[in-house]
N, C-alpha and C. Protein backbone atom coordinates (compact mmCIF):
# COMPACT_ATOMS: atom_id res chain seq x y z
N UNK A 1 -58.59 -41.59 -14.07
CA UNK A 1 -59.94 -41.88 -13.67
C UNK A 1 -60.85 -42.10 -14.87
N UNK A 2 -60.59 -41.39 -15.96
CA UNK A 2 -61.44 -41.55 -17.15
C UNK A 2 -61.28 -42.95 -17.74
N UNK A 3 -60.11 -43.56 -17.60
CA UNK A 3 -59.92 -44.93 -18.08
C UNK A 3 -60.80 -45.90 -17.31
N UNK A 4 -60.99 -45.63 -16.03
CA UNK A 4 -61.83 -46.49 -15.21
C UNK A 4 -63.27 -46.48 -15.71
N UNK A 5 -63.77 -45.29 -16.07
CA UNK A 5 -65.15 -45.18 -16.54
C UNK A 5 -65.30 -45.60 -17.99
N UNK A 6 -64.25 -45.47 -18.79
CA UNK A 6 -64.31 -45.83 -20.20
C UNK A 6 -64.08 -47.33 -20.41
N UNK A 7 -63.43 -47.98 -19.47
CA UNK A 7 -63.15 -49.40 -19.61
C UNK A 7 -64.11 -50.25 -18.79
N UNK A 8 -63.79 -51.51 -18.65
CA UNK A 8 -64.70 -52.43 -17.94
C UNK A 8 -64.61 -52.34 -16.42
N UNK A 9 -63.80 -51.45 -15.87
CA UNK A 9 -63.60 -51.39 -14.43
C UNK A 9 -64.85 -51.09 -13.64
N UNK A 10 -65.65 -50.14 -14.10
CA UNK A 10 -66.87 -49.78 -13.39
C UNK A 10 -67.88 -50.93 -13.42
N UNK A 11 -67.95 -51.63 -14.54
CA UNK A 11 -68.85 -52.79 -14.61
C UNK A 11 -68.42 -53.86 -13.63
N UNK A 12 -67.11 -54.02 -13.43
CA UNK A 12 -66.62 -54.98 -12.43
C UNK A 12 -67.06 -54.59 -11.03
N UNK A 13 -67.05 -53.31 -10.73
CA UNK A 13 -67.50 -52.84 -9.42
C UNK A 13 -68.98 -53.13 -9.23
N UNK A 14 -69.78 -52.90 -10.27
CA UNK A 14 -71.21 -53.17 -10.18
C UNK A 14 -71.47 -54.66 -10.01
N UNK A 15 -70.75 -55.50 -10.74
CA UNK A 15 -70.89 -56.96 -10.59
C UNK A 15 -70.51 -57.40 -9.17
N UNK A 16 -69.47 -56.81 -8.63
CA UNK A 16 -69.08 -57.14 -7.25
C UNK A 16 -70.16 -56.71 -6.26
N UNK A 17 -70.76 -55.55 -6.49
CA UNK A 17 -71.85 -55.10 -5.63
C UNK A 17 -73.05 -56.03 -5.72
N UNK A 18 -73.35 -56.52 -6.92
CA UNK A 18 -74.44 -57.48 -7.08
C UNK A 18 -74.13 -58.79 -6.36
N UNK A 19 -72.87 -59.20 -6.39
CA UNK A 19 -72.48 -60.42 -5.68
C UNK A 19 -72.64 -60.23 -4.17
N UNK A 20 -72.25 -59.06 -3.65
CA UNK A 20 -72.43 -58.78 -2.23
C UNK A 20 -73.91 -58.73 -1.86
N UNK A 21 -74.72 -58.17 -2.74
CA UNK A 21 -76.16 -58.13 -2.49
C UNK A 21 -76.74 -59.54 -2.47
N UNK A 22 -76.25 -60.40 -3.35
CA UNK A 22 -76.72 -61.79 -3.37
C UNK A 22 -76.38 -62.49 -2.05
N UNK A 23 -75.18 -62.28 -1.56
CA UNK A 23 -74.79 -62.87 -0.27
C UNK A 23 -75.67 -62.32 0.84
N UNK A 24 -75.92 -61.02 0.83
CA UNK A 24 -76.76 -60.41 1.85
C UNK A 24 -78.18 -60.97 1.80
N UNK A 25 -78.73 -61.13 0.61
CA UNK A 25 -80.08 -61.68 0.48
C UNK A 25 -80.14 -63.13 0.95
N UNK A 26 -79.10 -63.89 0.64
CA UNK A 26 -79.08 -65.30 1.04
C UNK A 26 -78.87 -65.48 2.54
N UNK A 27 -77.97 -64.71 3.10
CA UNK A 27 -77.60 -64.90 4.50
C UNK A 27 -78.48 -64.06 5.44
N UNK A 28 -78.60 -62.78 5.16
CA UNK A 28 -79.31 -61.88 6.06
C UNK A 28 -80.81 -61.92 5.93
N UNK A 29 -81.29 -62.06 4.72
CA UNK A 29 -82.72 -62.02 4.48
C UNK A 29 -83.33 -63.42 4.36
N UNK A 30 -82.49 -64.43 4.39
CA UNK A 30 -82.93 -65.84 4.32
C UNK A 30 -83.76 -66.12 3.07
N UNK A 31 -83.32 -65.59 1.94
CA UNK A 31 -83.99 -65.86 0.68
C UNK A 31 -83.47 -67.16 0.09
N UNK A 32 -84.27 -67.77 -0.75
CA UNK A 32 -83.83 -69.00 -1.43
C UNK A 32 -82.94 -68.63 -2.60
N UNK A 33 -82.08 -69.55 -2.99
CA UNK A 33 -81.12 -69.32 -4.07
C UNK A 33 -81.85 -68.98 -5.38
N UNK A 34 -82.93 -69.69 -5.69
CA UNK A 34 -83.67 -69.43 -6.92
C UNK A 34 -84.25 -68.02 -6.92
N UNK A 35 -84.78 -67.58 -5.78
CA UNK A 35 -85.32 -66.22 -5.68
C UNK A 35 -84.24 -65.18 -5.96
N UNK A 36 -83.08 -65.37 -5.37
CA UNK A 36 -81.97 -64.42 -5.55
C UNK A 36 -81.51 -64.42 -7.01
N UNK A 37 -81.44 -65.60 -7.62
CA UNK A 37 -81.04 -65.68 -9.02
C UNK A 37 -82.02 -64.94 -9.91
N UNK A 38 -83.31 -65.11 -9.65
CA UNK A 38 -84.31 -64.46 -10.49
C UNK A 38 -84.41 -62.96 -10.23
N UNK A 39 -84.08 -62.54 -9.02
CA UNK A 39 -84.11 -61.11 -8.71
C UNK A 39 -82.91 -60.39 -9.31
N UNK A 40 -81.73 -60.93 -9.11
CA UNK A 40 -80.49 -60.25 -9.52
C UNK A 40 -79.94 -60.70 -10.87
N UNK A 41 -80.37 -61.86 -11.34
CA UNK A 41 -79.81 -62.42 -12.57
C UNK A 41 -79.95 -61.56 -13.81
N UNK A 42 -81.15 -61.02 -14.09
CA UNK A 42 -81.27 -60.22 -15.30
C UNK A 42 -80.35 -58.99 -15.31
N UNK A 43 -80.27 -58.31 -14.20
CA UNK A 43 -79.38 -57.15 -14.11
C UNK A 43 -77.92 -57.54 -14.24
N UNK A 44 -77.56 -58.65 -13.61
CA UNK A 44 -76.17 -59.12 -13.70
C UNK A 44 -75.82 -59.48 -15.14
N UNK A 45 -76.74 -60.08 -15.87
CA UNK A 45 -76.49 -60.42 -17.26
C UNK A 45 -76.28 -59.17 -18.10
N UNK A 46 -77.09 -58.15 -17.86
CA UNK A 46 -76.95 -56.90 -18.62
C UNK A 46 -75.65 -56.18 -18.28
N UNK A 47 -75.27 -56.18 -17.01
CA UNK A 47 -73.99 -55.56 -16.64
C UNK A 47 -72.83 -56.36 -17.22
N UNK A 48 -72.97 -57.68 -17.25
CA UNK A 48 -71.94 -58.50 -17.87
C UNK A 48 -71.82 -58.18 -19.36
N UNK A 49 -72.95 -57.99 -20.04
CA UNK A 49 -72.91 -57.61 -21.46
C UNK A 49 -72.21 -56.27 -21.63
N UNK A 50 -72.50 -55.32 -20.75
CA UNK A 50 -71.81 -54.03 -20.80
C UNK A 50 -70.32 -54.20 -20.60
N UNK A 51 -69.95 -55.03 -19.64
CA UNK A 51 -68.53 -55.26 -19.37
C UNK A 51 -67.83 -55.87 -20.58
N UNK A 52 -68.50 -56.85 -21.20
CA UNK A 52 -67.94 -57.49 -22.38
C UNK A 52 -67.77 -56.49 -23.52
N UNK A 53 -68.76 -55.63 -23.71
CA UNK A 53 -68.68 -54.63 -24.77
C UNK A 53 -67.54 -53.65 -24.52
N UNK A 54 -67.42 -53.20 -23.28
CA UNK A 54 -66.35 -52.25 -22.96
C UNK A 54 -64.96 -52.89 -23.05
N UNK A 55 -64.90 -54.19 -22.85
CA UNK A 55 -63.62 -54.89 -22.93
C UNK A 55 -63.27 -55.28 -24.37
N UNK A 56 -64.22 -55.06 -25.29
CA UNK A 56 -63.93 -55.36 -26.69
C UNK A 56 -64.19 -56.79 -27.09
N UNK A 57 -65.09 -57.47 -26.40
CA UNK A 57 -65.40 -58.86 -26.74
C UNK A 57 -66.15 -58.93 -28.06
N UNK A 58 -66.14 -60.10 -28.66
CA UNK A 58 -66.87 -60.30 -29.90
C UNK A 58 -68.37 -60.25 -29.65
N UNK A 59 -69.14 -59.89 -30.67
CA UNK A 59 -70.57 -59.68 -30.51
C UNK A 59 -71.34 -60.91 -30.07
N UNK A 60 -70.95 -62.15 -30.46
CA UNK A 60 -71.75 -63.29 -29.98
C UNK A 60 -71.76 -63.41 -28.45
N UNK A 61 -70.66 -63.08 -27.81
CA UNK A 61 -70.61 -63.15 -26.35
C UNK A 61 -71.51 -62.09 -25.72
N UNK A 62 -71.49 -60.90 -26.30
CA UNK A 62 -72.33 -59.82 -25.79
C UNK A 62 -73.81 -60.16 -25.97
N UNK A 63 -74.15 -60.67 -27.14
CA UNK A 63 -75.55 -61.01 -27.40
C UNK A 63 -76.02 -62.17 -26.52
N UNK A 64 -75.15 -63.11 -26.20
CA UNK A 64 -75.54 -64.20 -25.29
C UNK A 64 -75.85 -63.67 -23.90
N UNK A 65 -75.07 -62.72 -23.43
CA UNK A 65 -75.32 -62.16 -22.10
C UNK A 65 -76.63 -61.37 -22.08
N UNK A 66 -76.90 -60.61 -23.13
CA UNK A 66 -78.15 -59.85 -23.20
C UNK A 66 -79.33 -60.81 -23.31
N UNK A 67 -79.20 -61.82 -24.16
CA UNK A 67 -80.28 -62.78 -24.36
C UNK A 67 -80.57 -63.58 -23.09
N UNK A 68 -79.56 -63.88 -22.31
CA UNK A 68 -79.77 -64.65 -21.07
C UNK A 68 -80.59 -63.87 -20.06
N UNK A 69 -80.58 -62.55 -20.15
CA UNK A 69 -81.34 -61.76 -19.17
C UNK A 69 -82.85 -61.88 -19.37
N UNK A 70 -83.29 -62.08 -20.61
CA UNK A 70 -84.73 -62.11 -20.88
C UNK A 70 -85.46 -63.27 -20.19
N UNK A 71 -85.02 -64.52 -20.35
CA UNK A 71 -85.76 -65.59 -19.67
C UNK A 71 -85.73 -65.47 -18.14
N UNK A 72 -84.62 -64.99 -17.61
CA UNK A 72 -84.57 -64.80 -16.16
C UNK A 72 -85.57 -63.74 -15.72
N UNK A 73 -85.66 -62.67 -16.49
CA UNK A 73 -86.61 -61.60 -16.16
C UNK A 73 -88.06 -62.10 -16.27
N UNK A 74 -88.36 -62.83 -17.33
CA UNK A 74 -89.71 -63.34 -17.51
C UNK A 74 -90.09 -64.33 -16.42
N UNK A 75 -89.15 -65.18 -16.02
CA UNK A 75 -89.42 -66.11 -14.91
C UNK A 75 -89.66 -65.37 -13.61
N UNK A 76 -88.90 -64.32 -13.38
CA UNK A 76 -89.09 -63.52 -12.18
C UNK A 76 -90.47 -62.87 -12.18
N UNK A 77 -90.87 -62.32 -13.31
CA UNK A 77 -92.19 -61.70 -13.41
C UNK A 77 -93.31 -62.73 -13.20
N UNK A 78 -93.11 -63.92 -13.73
CA UNK A 78 -94.14 -64.95 -13.58
C UNK A 78 -94.32 -65.39 -12.14
N UNK A 79 -93.24 -65.43 -11.38
CA UNK A 79 -93.31 -65.88 -9.99
C UNK A 79 -93.89 -64.83 -9.05
N UNK A 80 -93.84 -63.59 -9.44
CA UNK A 80 -94.34 -62.51 -8.57
C UNK A 80 -95.85 -62.40 -8.68
N UNK A 81 -96.51 -62.07 -7.59
CA UNK A 81 -97.94 -61.84 -7.68
C UNK A 81 -98.23 -60.57 -8.47
N UNK A 82 -99.26 -60.62 -9.29
CA UNK A 82 -99.57 -59.45 -10.11
C UNK A 82 -100.62 -58.61 -9.41
N UNK A 83 -100.44 -57.31 -9.47
CA UNK A 83 -101.40 -56.39 -8.88
C UNK A 83 -102.44 -55.92 -9.90
N UNK A 84 -102.14 -56.16 -11.17
CA UNK A 84 -103.00 -55.63 -12.21
C UNK A 84 -103.81 -56.72 -12.89
N UNK A 85 -103.91 -57.88 -12.28
CA UNK A 85 -104.66 -58.97 -12.89
C UNK A 85 -106.17 -58.65 -12.82
N UNK A 86 -106.89 -59.01 -13.86
CA UNK A 86 -108.34 -58.72 -13.85
C UNK A 86 -109.10 -59.54 -12.85
């Protein structure tokens, strides 16, 4: 069991759960594909970076996954209505 938590196995489970959540949002909640991508994309990128790190990937791949999460997160924040606007 410790190998599962020390290796990329747990990250795979989280990525699968994110994929199931994406399907649920698209089918059950009738969300648009762009909305789902912006909601789940940043987290999926960070979990992918974790998975790559645990699997022993080279640093450029890990940094690309981490870097990809930022623009998705910023786009998601921009599309949401702000409660703290003056």
